[in-house]
């Protein structure tokens, strides 16, 4: 079964993914950073030289550097799976993005996140996000 755990926890995790996308769309490091656990890991095998970034501060710094490359970005997320076991969970989601590069080129990448989440003080956070491109730039 693709979804397990309480409806309340699954809804909170879905909202976490929405907050993540909102942080991207608003270009807000504060919003985006609020989705990460302190000891988290962001795996980006599509970015040369940045296959994995460890620690919330390092992740936010890498995100800020990456966002400088795109004057415009819009991200939407579709959730495919959430599996909750106590205070940990795994999830799979799909992203659809439109972005404009510094030279004005429009790109439309599609990707998949495989996530590990942790509940800290009643709040679900990303512990590990692993991204892979499934179509597009």
Protein backbone atom coordinates (compact mmCIF):
# COMPACT_ATOMS: atom_id res chain seq x y z
CA UNK A 1 0.00 0.00 0.00
CA UNK A 2 1.52 3.36 -0.98
CA UNK A 3 0.43 5.32 2.11
CA UNK A 4 0.72 4.18 5.72
CA UNK A 5 0.55 5.98 9.05
CA UNK A 6 -1.99 8.33 10.51
CA UNK A 7 -3.86 10.70 8.23
CA UNK A 8 -2.69 13.57 10.44
CA UNK A 9 1.00 12.73 10.05
CA UNK A 10 0.61 12.13 6.30
CA UNK A 11 -1.09 15.52 5.93
CA UNK A 12 1.71 17.23 7.86
CA UNK A 13 4.32 15.57 5.63
CA UNK A 14 2.40 16.66 2.50
CA UNK A 15 2.31 20.20 3.90
CA UNK A 16 6.07 20.00 4.52
CA UNK A 17 6.55 19.26 0.83
CA UNK A 18 4.28 22.18 -0.05
CA UNK A 19 6.29 24.46 2.26
CA UNK A 20 9.49 23.30 0.52
CA UNK A 21 8.03 24.21 -2.90
CA UNK A 22 6.69 27.51 -1.56
CA UNK A 23 10.17 28.38 -0.29
CA UNK A 24 11.51 27.79 -3.81
CA UNK A 25 8.72 29.76 -5.47
CA UNK A 26 9.02 32.65 -3.01
CA UNK A 27 12.81 32.48 -3.16
CA UNK A 28 12.74 32.43 0.63
CA UNK A 29 15.68 30.78 2.37
CA UNK A 30 13.82 31.12 5.67
CA UNK A 31 10.76 29.19 4.43
CA UNK A 32 12.83 26.61 2.56
CA UNK A 33 15.26 26.06 5.46
CA UNK A 34 12.39 25.43 7.88
CA UNK A 35 11.81 22.04 6.22
CA UNK A 36 15.23 20.56 7.11
CA UNK A 37 16.49 18.77 10.22
CA UNK A 38 19.77 20.11 11.63
CA UNK A 39 21.75 16.94 10.74
CA UNK A 40 20.15 16.41 7.34
CA UNK A 41 21.61 15.41 3.98
CA UNK A 42 20.67 16.66 0.50
CA UNK A 43 21.74 14.33 -2.31
CA UNK A 44 21.95 15.95 -5.75
CA UNK A 45 23.68 13.63 -8.19
CA UNK A 46 22.62 15.89 -11.09
CA UNK A 47 24.83 18.74 -9.85
CA UNK A 48 28.51 18.11 -10.70
CA UNK A 49 30.74 18.50 -7.66
CA UNK A 50 27.76 18.64 -5.30
CA UNK A 51 26.64 15.03 -5.05
CA UNK A 52 25.79 15.34 -1.35
CA UNK A 53 25.55 18.23 1.08
CA UNK A 54 25.44 17.46 4.80
CA UNK A 55 24.12 19.70 7.59
CA UNK A 56 21.27 22.20 7.44
CA UNK A 57 23.52 25.29 7.26
CA UNK A 58 25.54 23.80 4.39
CA UNK A 59 22.37 22.74 2.59
CA UNK A 60 20.85 26.21 2.82
CA UNK A 61 24.11 27.77 1.63
CA UNK A 62 24.22 25.41 -1.39
CA UNK A 63 20.57 26.20 -2.17
CA UNK A 64 21.23 29.95 -2.06
CA UNK A 65 24.16 29.52 -4.46
CA UNK A 66 22.01 27.41 -6.78
CA UNK A 67 19.13 29.89 -6.76
CA UNK A 68 21.50 32.63 -7.97
CA UNK A 69 21.71 30.74 -11.28
CA UNK A 70 18.00 31.18 -11.95
CA UNK A 71 16.25 34.57 -11.99
CA UNK A 72 12.94 32.67 -12.12
CA UNK A 73 11.95 29.27 -10.73
CA UNK A 74 8.55 27.69 -10.21
CA UNK A 75 8.20 24.27 -8.57
CA UNK A 76 5.19 22.08 -7.98
CA UNK A 77 5.20 18.76 -6.14
CA UNK A 78 3.06 15.65 -6.42
CA UNK A 79 3.27 13.03 -3.66
CA UNK A 80 3.50 9.37 -4.67
CA UNK A 81 4.15 7.58 -1.39
CA UNK A 82 4.41 8.14 2.37
CA UNK A 83 5.33 5.34 4.81
CA UNK A 84 5.32 6.28 8.50
CA UNK A 85 6.89 4.20 11.26
CA UNK A 86 6.79 5.96 14.63
CA UNK A 87 8.89 9.13 14.46
CA UNK A 88 10.47 8.30 11.11
CA UNK A 89 9.05 8.11 7.62
CA UNK A 90 9.97 7.63 4.00
CA UNK A 91 8.30 9.38 1.09
CA UNK A 92 8.49 9.71 -2.66
CA UNK A 93 7.43 12.80 -4.57
CA UNK A 94 7.70 14.16 -8.08
CA UNK A 95 8.63 17.69 -9.08
CA UNK A 96 7.70 19.69 -12.11
CA UNK A 97 9.68 22.89 -12.53
CA UNK A 98 9.97 25.80 -14.89
CA UNK A 99 13.11 27.89 -14.58
CA UNK A 100 14.91 30.58 -16.51
CA UNK A 101 18.71 30.59 -16.57
CA UNK A 102 20.88 33.71 -16.42
CA UNK A 103 21.10 33.78 -20.23
CA UNK A 104 17.30 33.65 -20.59
CA UNK A 105 16.98 29.98 -21.51
CA UNK A 106 13.80 28.36 -20.19
CA UNK A 107 14.13 24.85 -18.81
CA UNK A 108 11.41 22.46 -17.65
CA UNK A 109 12.95 19.66 -15.57
CA UNK A 110 10.96 16.84 -13.97
CA UNK A 111 12.38 14.92 -11.05
CA UNK A 112 11.84 12.51 -8.21
CA UNK A 113 12.70 12.97 -4.53
CA UNK A 114 13.18 9.95 -2.30
CA UNK A 115 12.98 11.19 1.27
CA UNK A 116 13.73 10.10 4.79
CA UNK A 117 11.92 12.17 7.39
CA UNK A 118 12.12 12.52 11.13
CA UNK A 119 9.66 13.91 13.68
CA UNK A 120 11.45 16.35 16.00
CA UNK A 121 9.49 17.95 18.84
CA UNK A 122 6.25 17.10 17.03
CA UNK A 123 7.41 18.57 13.69
CA UNK A 124 8.16 16.48 10.60
CA UNK A 125 11.42 17.48 8.86
CA UNK A 126 13.52 16.21 6.00
CA UNK A 127 16.41 14.09 7.28
CA UNK A 128 17.60 13.08 3.81
CA UNK A 129 16.38 14.16 0.37
CA UNK A 130 17.75 12.37 -2.64
CA UNK A 131 16.89 13.91 -6.02
CA UNK A 132 17.13 12.37 -9.45
CA UNK A 133 16.15 13.86 -12.77
CA UNK A 134 13.59 11.81 -14.68
CA UNK A 135 13.08 14.10 -17.69
CA UNK A 136 14.22 17.39 -19.09
CA UNK A 137 17.13 19.66 -18.36
